[in-house]
Amino acid sequence: MDEKLLLDEALSFLGLKGDSSEDDLKSQYHKLAKKYHPDGGEFTSEILFQELQKHYEFLKKFWERNGSFDAFSLGKGRSSRQDHSFSHEPEAAREGAGKDTSSSLVPDPIFSMYKTAKEEETRAILNYFEKTKLDPMNLNHAKNNALAELRTRLDPVCKVYLDIVQNHPKSIWVGDSKDSLARLSVWWKQS
């Protein structure tokens, strides 16, 4: 991938702009590491934390080489992050890079789709196990009404994962969406 695109993606992921400082990078990294850490943050998936690590390492090395994130003159003739379609944060948040902008950050739309699907997947499976606590596992939907309901609830979830895989092949959520589809396929196997 082109280094400029990597830089744009990494800055966007961390909610930074081209004129952010090394201290801004460290501050934003620590804030997001707390938020994304799978053991104690808001999210249980390791993917966000791994992406944060990848982008942080890239930006750290980029800073060491260039002493600035503005090396490509991002957005020539306009503010460095303005008009980039994949920016995660509104203009007000970009103006406050390095400050606590956690309430201002807007997640990328693919992540929003993925997160909503993952939450529904979790609710559907938990609901299934609540209904079938003492029953033996039976993957024949004719004999297992809870399974039929689970499949109905998981069908739109699978469609979201499939949409991410097919229509957004460069998204960081493709790998986990593929894994989720493979894992969920067990609910459609016949016993």
N, C-alpha and C. Protein backbone atom coordinates (compact mmCIF):
# COMPACT_ATOMS: atom_id res chain seq x y z
N MET A 1 0.85 -1.18 0.00
CA MET A 1 0.00 0.00 0.00
C MET A 1 0.89 1.24 0.00
N ASP A 2 0.47 2.26 -0.67
CA ASP A 2 1.17 3.52 -0.76
C ASP A 2 1.38 4.12 0.63
N GLU A 3 2.59 4.64 0.88
CA GLU A 3 2.90 5.17 2.22
C GLU A 3 2.00 6.34 2.60
N LYS A 4 1.62 7.15 1.64
CA LYS A 4 0.71 8.27 1.94
C LYS A 4 -0.64 7.75 2.42
N LEU A 5 -1.15 6.69 1.76
CA LEU A 5 -2.42 6.11 2.20
C LEU A 5 -2.29 5.50 3.59
N LEU A 6 -1.16 4.83 3.84
CA LEU A 6 -0.93 4.27 5.17
C LEU A 6 -0.89 5.37 6.22
N LEU A 7 -0.22 6.47 5.89
CA LEU A 7 -0.15 7.60 6.81
C LEU A 7 -1.54 8.17 7.07
N ASP A 8 -2.30 8.39 6.02
CA ASP A 8 -3.66 8.92 6.18
C ASP A 8 -4.51 7.99 7.04
N GLU A 9 -4.43 6.69 6.75
CA GLU A 9 -5.22 5.71 7.51
C GLU A 9 -4.82 5.69 8.98
N ALA A 10 -3.51 5.70 9.23
CA ALA A 10 -3.02 5.65 10.61
C ALA A 10 -3.41 6.92 11.38
N LEU A 11 -3.24 8.08 10.76
CA LEU A 11 -3.63 9.33 11.41
C LEU A 11 -5.12 9.34 11.70
N SER A 12 -5.90 8.90 10.74
CA SER A 12 -7.35 8.85 10.90
C SER A 12 -7.74 7.91 12.03
N PHE A 13 -7.13 6.73 12.07
CA PHE A 13 -7.46 5.74 13.09
C PHE A 13 -7.20 6.30 14.49
N LEU A 14 -6.09 7.03 14.65
CA LEU A 14 -5.75 7.58 15.95
C LEU A 14 -6.38 8.95 16.19
N GLY A 15 -7.13 9.47 15.23
CA GLY A 15 -7.79 10.76 15.41
C GLY A 15 -6.81 11.92 15.43
N LEU A 16 -5.74 11.81 14.65
CA LEU A 16 -4.72 12.85 14.59
C LEU A 16 -4.78 13.55 13.24
N LYS A 17 -4.04 14.66 13.13
CA LYS A 17 -3.95 15.36 11.85
C LYS A 17 -2.49 15.53 11.49
N GLY A 18 -2.23 16.03 10.31
CA GLY A 18 -0.87 16.13 9.80
C GLY A 18 0.06 16.96 10.64
N ASP A 19 -0.45 17.97 11.34
CA ASP A 19 0.43 18.81 12.15
C ASP A 19 0.45 18.39 13.62
N SER A 20 -0.04 17.19 13.92
CA SER A 20 0.02 16.68 15.29
C SER A 20 1.48 16.42 15.68
N SER A 21 1.74 16.51 16.97
CA SER A 21 3.10 16.32 17.47
C SER A 21 3.31 14.88 17.93
N GLU A 22 4.55 14.57 18.26
CA GLU A 22 4.88 13.25 18.80
C GLU A 22 4.17 13.05 20.14
N ASP A 23 4.05 14.11 20.93
CA ASP A 23 3.32 14.02 22.20
C ASP A 23 1.83 13.74 21.97
N ASP A 24 1.26 14.35 20.93
CA ASP A 24 -0.14 14.06 20.57
C ASP A 24 -0.30 12.58 20.24
N LEU A 25 0.66 12.04 19.49
CA LEU A 25 0.63 10.62 19.12
C LEU A 25 0.63 9.75 20.37
N LYS A 26 1.56 10.02 21.28
CA LYS A 26 1.65 9.21 22.50
C LYS A 26 0.39 9.33 23.34
N SER A 27 -0.10 10.54 23.50
CA SER A 27 -1.30 10.77 24.30
C SER A 27 -2.51 10.05 23.72
N GLN A 28 -2.70 10.19 22.42
CA GLN A 28 -3.84 9.56 21.76
C GLN A 28 -3.71 8.04 21.80
N TYR A 29 -2.48 7.54 21.62
CA TYR A 29 -2.26 6.09 21.68
C TYR A 29 -2.64 5.55 23.05
N HIS A 30 -2.18 6.19 24.11
CA HIS A 30 -2.49 5.70 25.46
C HIS A 30 -3.99 5.73 25.75
N LYS A 31 -4.65 6.79 25.30
CA LYS A 31 -6.10 6.88 25.50
C LYS A 31 -6.82 5.75 24.76
N LEU A 32 -6.45 5.54 23.50
CA LEU A 32 -7.11 4.50 22.71
C LEU A 32 -6.72 3.10 23.16
N ALA A 33 -5.49 2.93 23.66
CA ALA A 33 -5.07 1.61 24.15
C ALA A 33 -5.95 1.18 25.33
N LYS A 34 -6.27 2.13 26.19
CA LYS A 34 -7.16 1.82 27.31
C LYS A 34 -8.55 1.45 26.80
N LYS A 35 -9.00 2.16 25.79
CA LYS A 35 -10.34 1.94 25.25
C LYS A 35 -10.44 0.62 24.48
N TYR A 36 -9.41 0.28 23.72
CA TYR A 36 -9.47 -0.88 22.82
C TYR A 36 -8.86 -2.15 23.39
N HIS A 37 -8.21 -2.09 24.55
CA HIS A 37 -7.57 -3.30 25.08
C HIS A 37 -8.63 -4.36 25.36
N PRO A 38 -8.44 -5.58 24.83
CA PRO A 38 -9.48 -6.61 24.97
C PRO A 38 -9.73 -7.07 26.41
N ASP A 39 -8.77 -6.87 27.30
CA ASP A 39 -8.95 -7.32 28.68
C ASP A 39 -9.64 -6.30 29.57
N GLY A 40 -9.60 -5.04 29.20
CA GLY A 40 -10.18 -4.06 30.10
C GLY A 40 -10.84 -2.88 29.43
N GLY A 41 -10.88 -2.88 28.12
CA GLY A 41 -11.46 -1.75 27.41
C GLY A 41 -12.92 -1.96 27.09
N GLU A 42 -13.42 -1.10 26.22
CA GLU A 42 -14.84 -1.14 25.83
C GLU A 42 -15.14 -2.28 24.87
N PHE A 43 -14.12 -2.82 24.21
CA PHE A 43 -14.33 -3.83 23.18
C PHE A 43 -13.64 -5.13 23.58
N THR A 44 -14.25 -6.25 23.27
CA THR A 44 -13.66 -7.54 23.63
C THR A 44 -12.85 -8.14 22.49
N SER A 45 -12.98 -7.62 21.29
CA SER A 45 -12.24 -8.14 20.16
C SER A 45 -10.81 -7.61 20.19
N GLU A 46 -9.86 -8.46 19.87
CA GLU A 46 -8.46 -8.04 19.83
C GLU A 46 -8.14 -7.24 18.58
N ILE A 47 -9.03 -7.27 17.61
CA ILE A 47 -8.74 -6.65 16.31
C ILE A 47 -8.47 -5.16 16.42
N LEU A 48 -9.31 -4.44 17.16
CA LEU A 48 -9.10 -3.00 17.30
C LEU A 48 -7.76 -2.70 17.95
N PHE A 49 -7.43 -3.46 18.99
CA PHE A 49 -6.17 -3.23 19.68
C PHE A 49 -4.99 -3.53 18.76
N GLN A 50 -5.08 -4.61 17.98
CA GLN A 50 -4.01 -4.94 17.03
C GLN A 50 -3.87 -3.87 15.97
N GLU A 51 -4.99 -3.35 15.48
CA GLU A 51 -4.94 -2.27 14.49
C GLU A 51 -4.31 -1.02 15.11
N LEU A 52 -4.66 -0.72 16.34
CA LEU A 52 -4.07 0.42 17.03
C LEU A 52 -2.56 0.25 17.12
N GLN A 53 -2.11 -0.94 17.51
CA GLN A 53 -0.67 -1.21 17.62
C GLN A 53 0.01 -1.01 16.27
N LYS A 54 -0.59 -1.56 15.21
CA LYS A 54 -0.01 -1.46 13.87
C LYS A 54 0.11 0.00 13.45
N HIS A 55 -0.96 0.76 13.62
CA HIS A 55 -0.93 2.17 13.20
C HIS A 55 0.02 3.00 14.07
N TYR A 56 0.06 2.70 15.35
CA TYR A 56 0.96 3.43 16.24
C TYR A 56 2.41 3.18 15.85
N GLU A 57 2.77 1.92 15.61
CA GLU A 57 4.15 1.60 15.22
C GLU A 57 4.51 2.28 13.90
N PHE A 58 3.58 2.28 12.95
CA PHE A 58 3.84 2.95 11.68
C PHE A 58 4.10 4.44 11.91
N LEU A 59 3.22 5.09 12.69
CA LEU A 59 3.37 6.53 12.92
C LEU A 59 4.63 6.85 13.71
N LYS A 60 4.98 6.00 14.65
CA LYS A 60 6.20 6.21 15.44
C LYS A 60 7.43 6.17 14.53
N LYS A 61 7.49 5.17 13.66
CA LYS A 61 8.63 5.06 12.73
C LYS A 61 8.61 6.21 11.72
N PHE A 62 7.43 6.58 11.26
CA PHE A 62 7.31 7.69 10.32
C PHE A 62 7.84 8.97 10.97
N TRP A 63 7.48 9.20 12.23
CA TRP A 63 7.93 10.40 12.95
C TRP A 63 9.45 10.39 13.09
N GLU A 64 10.01 9.21 13.44
CA GLU A 64 11.46 9.11 13.60
C GLU A 64 12.20 9.45 12.30
N ARG A 65 11.64 9.02 11.17
CA ARG A 65 12.26 9.28 9.87
C ARG A 65 12.08 10.73 9.41
N ASN A 66 10.91 11.31 9.68
CA ASN A 66 10.56 12.60 9.07
C ASN A 66 10.43 13.77 10.05
N GLY A 67 10.26 13.49 11.33
CA GLY A 67 10.10 14.55 12.32
C GLY A 67 8.76 15.27 12.21
N SER A 68 7.86 14.74 11.41
CA SER A 68 6.55 15.35 11.19
C SER A 68 5.65 14.35 10.49
N PHE A 69 4.34 14.53 10.64
CA PHE A 69 3.38 13.72 9.90
C PHE A 69 2.95 14.43 8.63
N ASP A 70 3.45 15.63 8.42
CA ASP A 70 3.05 16.46 7.28
C ASP A 70 3.99 16.28 6.09
N ALA A 71 4.80 15.23 6.10
CA ALA A 71 5.84 15.04 5.09
C ALA A 71 5.31 14.99 3.66
N PHE A 72 4.08 14.58 3.46
CA PHE A 72 3.52 14.48 2.12
C PHE A 72 2.69 15.70 1.76
N SER A 73 2.73 16.74 2.60
CA SER A 73 1.87 17.91 2.40
C SER A 73 0.44 17.45 2.18
N LEU A 74 -0.07 16.72 3.15
CA LEU A 74 -1.42 16.17 3.06
C LEU A 74 -2.42 17.24 2.68
N GLY A 75 -3.24 16.96 1.71
CA GLY A 75 -4.32 17.86 1.31
C GLY A 75 -3.82 19.20 0.81
N LYS A 76 -2.83 19.22 -0.06
CA LYS A 76 -2.21 20.46 -0.55
C LYS A 76 -3.23 21.58 -0.72
N GLY A 77 -2.92 22.73 -0.11
CA GLY A 77 -3.77 23.89 -0.26
C GLY A 77 -4.96 23.93 0.68
N ARG A 78 -5.10 22.97 1.54
CA ARG A 78 -6.21 22.97 2.51
C ARG A 78 -5.67 22.44 3.82
N SER A 79 -6.44 22.51 4.86
CA SER A 79 -5.95 22.00 6.13
C SER A 79 -5.64 20.53 5.95
N SER A 80 -4.62 20.04 6.60
CA SER A 80 -4.02 18.77 6.28
C SER A 80 -4.96 17.58 6.28
N ARG A 81 -5.99 17.53 7.08
CA ARG A 81 -6.86 16.36 7.11
C ARG A 81 -8.22 16.65 6.47
N GLN A 82 -8.46 17.87 6.10
CA GLN A 82 -9.77 18.23 5.57
C GLN A 82 -10.01 17.56 4.22
N ASP A 83 -11.26 17.21 3.96
CA ASP A 83 -11.71 16.63 2.69
C ASP A 83 -11.23 15.21 2.45
N HIS A 84 -10.69 14.52 3.43
CA HIS A 84 -10.35 13.11 3.25
C HIS A 84 -11.58 12.31 3.63
N SER A 85 -12.07 11.52 2.69
CA SER A 85 -13.35 10.85 2.88
C SER A 85 -13.34 9.83 4.01
N PHE A 86 -12.17 9.32 4.39
CA PHE A 86 -12.16 8.30 5.42
C PHE A 86 -11.75 8.84 6.77
N SER A 87 -11.85 10.12 6.98
CA SER A 87 -11.56 10.70 8.28
C SER A 87 -12.59 10.23 9.29
N HIS A 88 -12.12 9.85 10.48
CA HIS A 88 -13.01 9.32 11.51
C HIS A 88 -13.64 10.41 12.36
N GLU A 89 -13.09 11.61 12.35
CA GLU A 89 -13.57 12.59 13.30
C GLU A 89 -14.05 13.85 12.61
N PRO A 90 -15.01 14.54 13.23
CA PRO A 90 -15.49 15.80 12.67
C PRO A 90 -14.43 16.89 12.80
N GLU A 91 -14.63 18.00 12.09
CA GLU A 91 -13.66 19.09 12.09
C GLU A 91 -13.33 19.57 13.50
N ALA A 92 -14.32 19.66 14.36
CA ALA A 92 -14.07 20.13 15.73
C ALA A 92 -13.10 19.20 16.45
N ALA A 93 -13.19 17.91 16.22
CA ALA A 93 -12.28 16.97 16.86
C ALA A 93 -10.89 17.10 16.28
N ARG A 94 -10.79 17.35 14.96
CA ARG A 94 -9.47 17.51 14.34
C ARG A 94 -8.76 18.72 14.92
N GLU A 95 -9.51 19.77 15.21
CA GLU A 95 -8.91 20.97 15.77
C GLU A 95 -8.34 20.72 17.15
N GLY A 96 -8.88 19.71 17.85
CA GLY A 96 -8.45 19.45 19.21
C GLY A 96 -7.57 18.23 19.35
N ALA A 97 -6.80 17.87 18.32
CA ALA A 97 -5.94 16.69 18.41
C ALA A 97 -5.03 16.82 19.61
N GLY A 98 -4.88 15.72 20.34
CA GLY A 98 -4.05 15.72 21.53
C GLY A 98 -4.85 16.02 22.77
N LYS A 99 -6.02 16.59 22.62
CA LYS A 99 -6.91 16.83 23.75
C LYS A 99 -7.83 15.64 23.88
N ASP A 100 -8.59 15.57 24.93
CA ASP A 100 -9.51 14.45 25.11
C ASP A 100 -10.69 14.62 24.17
N THR A 101 -10.65 13.89 23.06
CA THR A 101 -11.70 14.00 22.05
C THR A 101 -12.51 12.72 21.95
N SER A 102 -12.41 11.84 22.95
CA SER A 102 -13.05 10.53 22.84
C SER A 102 -14.55 10.64 22.58
N SER A 103 -15.20 11.66 23.12
CA SER A 103 -16.63 11.78 22.88
C SER A 103 -16.92 12.38 21.51
N SER A 104 -15.90 12.96 20.84
CA SER A 104 -16.10 13.59 19.55
C SER A 104 -15.78 12.67 18.38
N LEU A 105 -15.03 11.59 18.61
CA LEU A 105 -14.63 10.72 17.52
C LEU A 105 -15.83 9.99 16.95
N VAL A 106 -15.90 9.93 15.64
CA VAL A 106 -16.97 9.23 14.95
C VAL A 106 -16.36 7.99 14.32
N PRO A 107 -16.85 6.79 14.67
CA PRO A 107 -16.24 5.58 14.11
C PRO A 107 -16.50 5.48 12.61
N ASP A 108 -15.63 4.73 11.93
CA ASP A 108 -15.84 4.58 10.49
C ASP A 108 -17.10 3.76 10.25
N PRO A 109 -17.80 3.99 9.14
CA PRO A 109 -19.09 3.34 8.91
C PRO A 109 -19.00 1.82 8.83
N ILE A 110 -17.89 1.28 8.34
CA ILE A 110 -17.75 -0.17 8.27
C ILE A 110 -17.65 -0.73 9.68
N PHE A 111 -16.90 -0.03 10.55
CA PHE A 111 -16.81 -0.48 11.94
C PHE A 111 -18.19 -0.44 12.59
N SER A 112 -18.96 0.59 12.33
CA SER A 112 -20.31 0.68 12.91
C SER A 112 -21.17 -0.50 12.48
N MET A 113 -21.10 -0.85 11.19
CA MET A 113 -21.84 -2.02 10.70
C MET A 113 -21.37 -3.28 11.41
N TYR A 114 -20.04 -3.43 11.46
CA TYR A 114 -19.44 -4.62 12.07
C TYR A 114 -19.83 -4.73 13.55
N LYS A 115 -19.70 -3.62 14.27
CA LYS A 115 -19.99 -3.62 15.71
C LYS A 115 -21.46 -3.96 15.97
N THR A 116 -22.37 -3.37 15.21
CA THR A 116 -23.80 -3.65 15.38
C THR A 116 -24.08 -5.13 15.12
N ALA A 117 -23.48 -5.67 14.06
CA ALA A 117 -23.67 -7.10 13.75
C ALA A 117 -23.10 -7.97 14.85
N LYS A 118 -21.92 -7.63 15.36
CA LYS A 118 -21.28 -8.43 16.42
C LYS A 118 -22.14 -8.40 17.69
N GLU A 119 -22.70 -7.25 18.01
CA GLU A 119 -23.56 -7.15 19.20
C GLU A 119 -24.82 -8.00 19.04
N GLU A 120 -25.43 -7.96 17.85
CA GLU A 120 -26.64 -8.77 17.61
C GLU A 120 -26.30 -10.26 17.62
N GLU A 121 -25.15 -10.61 17.06
CA GLU A 121 -24.69 -12.01 17.09
C GLU A 121 -24.59 -12.49 18.54
N THR A 122 -23.97 -11.71 19.38
CA THR A 122 -23.80 -12.08 20.78
C THR A 122 -25.15 -12.22 21.47
N ARG A 123 -26.04 -11.25 21.27
CA ARG A 123 -27.37 -11.33 21.90
C ARG A 123 -28.14 -12.56 21.43
N ALA A 124 -28.09 -12.85 20.14
CA ALA A 124 -28.83 -13.99 19.58
C ALA A 124 -28.32 -15.31 20.15
N ILE A 125 -27.01 -15.45 20.23
CA ILE A 125 -26.44 -16.71 20.74
C ILE A 125 -26.71 -16.85 22.23
N LEU A 126 -26.56 -15.77 22.98
CA LEU A 126 -26.87 -15.84 24.42
C LEU A 126 -28.34 -16.19 24.64
N ASN A 127 -29.22 -15.59 23.87
CA ASN A 127 -30.65 -15.89 23.96
C ASN A 127 -30.91 -17.37 23.66
N TYR A 128 -30.23 -17.90 22.65
CA TYR A 128 -30.39 -19.31 22.29
C TYR A 128 -29.99 -20.20 23.48
N PHE A 129 -28.84 -19.92 24.07
CA PHE A 129 -28.38 -20.76 25.18
C PHE A 129 -29.25 -20.58 26.43
N GLU A 130 -29.82 -19.42 26.62
CA GLU A 130 -30.77 -19.23 27.72
C GLU A 130 -31.98 -20.14 27.54
N LYS A 131 -32.47 -20.23 26.32
CA LYS A 131 -33.67 -21.03 26.04
C LYS A 131 -33.39 -22.53 26.05
N THR A 132 -32.16 -22.92 25.83
CA THR A 132 -31.85 -24.35 25.70
C THR A 132 -30.90 -24.85 26.79
N LYS A 133 -30.93 -24.22 27.95
CA LYS A 133 -29.99 -24.54 29.03
C LYS A 133 -29.79 -26.03 29.27
N LEU A 134 -30.86 -26.74 29.47
CA LEU A 134 -30.74 -28.14 29.86
C LEU A 134 -30.98 -29.10 28.71
N ASP A 135 -31.27 -28.58 27.56
CA ASP A 135 -31.53 -29.45 26.41
C ASP A 135 -30.22 -29.84 25.74
N PRO A 136 -30.16 -31.08 25.25
CA PRO A 136 -28.96 -31.46 24.49
C PRO A 136 -28.92 -30.67 23.18
N MET A 137 -27.73 -30.47 22.67
CA MET A 137 -27.56 -29.73 21.42
C MET A 137 -28.22 -30.50 20.29
N ASN A 138 -29.14 -29.87 19.60
CA ASN A 138 -29.83 -30.49 18.49
C ASN A 138 -29.88 -29.49 17.35
N LEU A 139 -29.17 -29.78 16.26
CA LEU A 139 -29.10 -28.85 15.14
C LEU A 139 -30.14 -29.12 14.06
N ASN A 140 -31.20 -29.83 14.42
CA ASN A 140 -32.32 -30.03 13.50
C ASN A 140 -33.39 -29.02 13.89
N HIS A 141 -33.60 -28.01 13.04
CA HIS A 141 -34.51 -26.92 13.41
C HIS A 141 -35.95 -27.39 13.57
N ALA A 142 -36.32 -28.53 12.97
CA ALA A 142 -37.68 -29.05 13.14
C ALA A 142 -37.91 -29.53 14.57
N LYS A 143 -36.84 -29.95 15.22
CA LYS A 143 -36.94 -30.44 16.60
C LYS A 143 -36.47 -29.40 17.61
N ASN A 144 -36.03 -28.25 17.13
CA ASN A 144 -35.44 -27.25 18.02
C ASN A 144 -35.92 -25.86 17.59
N ASN A 145 -37.03 -25.42 18.21
CA ASN A 145 -37.59 -24.10 17.86
C ASN A 145 -36.63 -22.97 18.15
N ALA A 146 -35.84 -23.11 19.21
CA ALA A 146 -34.88 -22.06 19.56
C ALA A 146 -33.83 -21.92 18.46
N LEU A 147 -33.47 -23.03 17.82
CA LEU A 147 -32.50 -22.98 16.72
C LEU A 147 -33.08 -22.22 15.52
N ALA A 148 -34.34 -22.47 15.23
CA ALA A 148 -34.99 -21.76 14.12
C ALA A 148 -34.98 -20.25 14.39
N GLU A 149 -35.27 -19.87 15.63
CA GLU A 149 -35.24 -18.44 16.00
C GLU A 149 -33.82 -17.89 15.90
N LEU A 150 -32.84 -18.67 16.37
CA LEU A 150 -31.45 -18.24 16.30
C LEU A 150 -31.03 -18.00 14.85
N ARG A 151 -31.36 -18.94 13.97
CA ARG A 151 -31.01 -18.78 12.56
C ARG A 151 -31.66 -17.53 11.97
N THR A 152 -32.89 -17.28 12.34
CA THR A 152 -33.59 -16.08 11.85
C THR A 152 -32.87 -14.82 12.31
N ARG A 153 -32.41 -14.82 13.56
CA ARG A 153 -31.71 -13.64 14.09
C ARG A 153 -30.30 -13.51 13.52
N LEU A 154 -29.66 -14.64 13.23
CA LEU A 154 -28.29 -14.59 12.72
C LEU A 154 -28.22 -14.32 11.22
N ASP A 155 -29.29 -14.57 10.50
CA ASP A 155 -29.27 -14.37 9.05
C ASP A 155 -28.89 -12.94 8.66
N PRO A 156 -29.52 -11.90 9.24
CA PRO A 156 -29.10 -10.53 8.88
C PRO A 156 -27.67 -10.22 9.32
N VAL A 157 -27.24 -10.83 10.42
CA VAL A 157 -25.86 -10.64 10.90
C VAL A 157 -24.89 -11.18 9.85
N CYS A 158 -25.17 -12.38 9.36
CA CYS A 158 -24.31 -12.99 8.33
C CYS A 158 -24.31 -12.14 7.06
N LYS A 159 -25.44 -11.55 6.74
CA LYS A 159 -25.52 -10.69 5.54
C LYS A 159 -24.63 -9.45 5.70
N VAL A 160 -24.56 -8.91 6.91
CA VAL A 160 -23.68 -7.75 7.15
C VAL A 160 -22.23 -8.18 6.99
N TYR A 161 -21.86 -9.32 7.61
CA TYR A 161 -20.48 -9.80 7.48
C TYR A 161 -20.14 -10.06 6.01
N LEU A 162 -21.06 -10.66 5.29
CA LEU A 162 -20.85 -10.95 3.87
C LEU A 162 -20.72 -9.66 3.07
N ASP A 163 -21.52 -8.66 3.39
CA ASP A 163 -21.43 -7.36 2.73
C ASP A 163 -20.05 -6.74 2.95
N ILE A 164 -19.55 -6.82 4.17
CA ILE A 164 -18.22 -6.27 4.47
C ILE A 164 -17.17 -6.99 3.63
N VAL A 165 -17.24 -8.32 3.60
CA VAL A 165 -16.26 -9.12 2.85
C VAL A 165 -16.32 -8.81 1.36
N GLN A 166 -17.52 -8.76 0.80
CA GLN A 166 -17.66 -8.59 -0.65
C GLN A 166 -17.52 -7.15 -1.12
N ASN A 167 -18.06 -6.21 -0.38
CA ASN A 167 -18.11 -4.82 -0.86
C ASN A 167 -17.06 -3.90 -0.26
N HIS A 168 -16.34 -4.38 0.74
CA HIS A 168 -15.31 -3.55 1.38
C HIS A 168 -14.06 -4.39 1.60
N PRO A 169 -13.47 -4.94 0.52
CA PRO A 169 -12.38 -5.90 0.66
C PRO A 169 -11.11 -5.34 1.31
N LYS A 170 -10.97 -4.03 1.38
CA LYS A 170 -9.77 -3.45 1.98
C LYS A 170 -9.99 -3.02 3.43
N SER A 171 -11.18 -3.24 3.94
CA SER A 171 -11.50 -2.86 5.32
C SER A 171 -10.73 -3.74 6.30
N ILE A 172 -10.37 -3.17 7.43
CA ILE A 172 -9.70 -3.96 8.47
C ILE A 172 -10.64 -4.98 9.08
N TRP A 173 -11.93 -4.89 8.80
CA TRP A 173 -12.92 -5.79 9.40
C TRP A 173 -13.19 -7.02 8.55
N VAL A 174 -12.56 -7.13 7.38
CA VAL A 174 -12.80 -8.26 6.49
C VAL A 174 -12.37 -9.58 7.13
N GLY A 175 -11.19 -9.62 7.71
CA GLY A 175 -10.69 -10.86 8.31
C GLY A 175 -11.60 -11.38 9.41
N ASP A 176 -12.00 -10.49 10.30
CA ASP A 176 -12.88 -10.92 11.39
C ASP A 176 -14.27 -11.28 10.87
N SER A 177 -14.72 -10.59 9.84
CA SER A 177 -16.03 -10.92 9.25
C SER A 177 -15.99 -12.32 8.64
N LYS A 178 -14.89 -12.65 7.95
CA LYS A 178 -14.74 -14.00 7.39
C LYS A 178 -14.73 -15.04 8.50
N ASP A 179 -13.96 -14.76 9.56
CA ASP A 179 -13.90 -15.69 10.70
C ASP A 179 -15.28 -15.87 11.32
N SER A 180 -16.02 -14.78 11.46
CA SER A 180 -17.36 -14.85 12.04
C SER A 180 -18.29 -15.68 11.17
N LEU A 181 -18.22 -15.50 9.86
CA LEU A 181 -19.05 -16.29 8.95
C LEU A 181 -18.73 -17.78 9.07
N ALA A 182 -17.45 -18.10 9.14
CA ALA A 182 -17.05 -19.51 9.27
C ALA A 182 -17.54 -20.08 10.60
N ARG A 183 -17.39 -19.30 11.66
CA ARG A 183 -17.81 -19.76 12.99
C ARG A 183 -19.32 -19.92 13.07
N LEU A 184 -20.07 -19.01 12.48
CA LEU A 184 -21.53 -19.06 12.54
C LEU A 184 -22.12 -20.15 11.64
N SER A 185 -21.37 -20.61 10.67
CA SER A 185 -21.90 -21.63 9.75
C SER A 185 -22.29 -22.91 10.49
N VAL A 186 -21.73 -23.13 11.68
CA VAL A 186 -22.07 -24.33 12.45
C VAL A 186 -23.56 -24.39 12.78
N TRP A 187 -24.21 -23.25 12.87
CA TRP A 187 -25.63 -23.22 13.23
C TRP A 187 -26.54 -23.68 12.10
N TRP A 188 -25.98 -23.84 10.90
CA TRP A 188 -26.78 -24.31 9.76
C TRP A 188 -26.45 -25.75 9.38
N LYS A 189 -25.52 -26.38 10.09
CA LYS A 189 -25.20 -27.78 9.81
C LYS A 189 -26.29 -28.67 10.37
N GLN A 190 -26.56 -29.75 9.70
CA GLN A 190 -27.57 -30.70 10.16
C GLN A 190 -26.91 -31.76 11.03
N SER A 191 -27.61 -32.17 12.08
CA SER A 191 -27.05 -33.21 12.96
C SER A 191 -27.39 -34.58 12.43
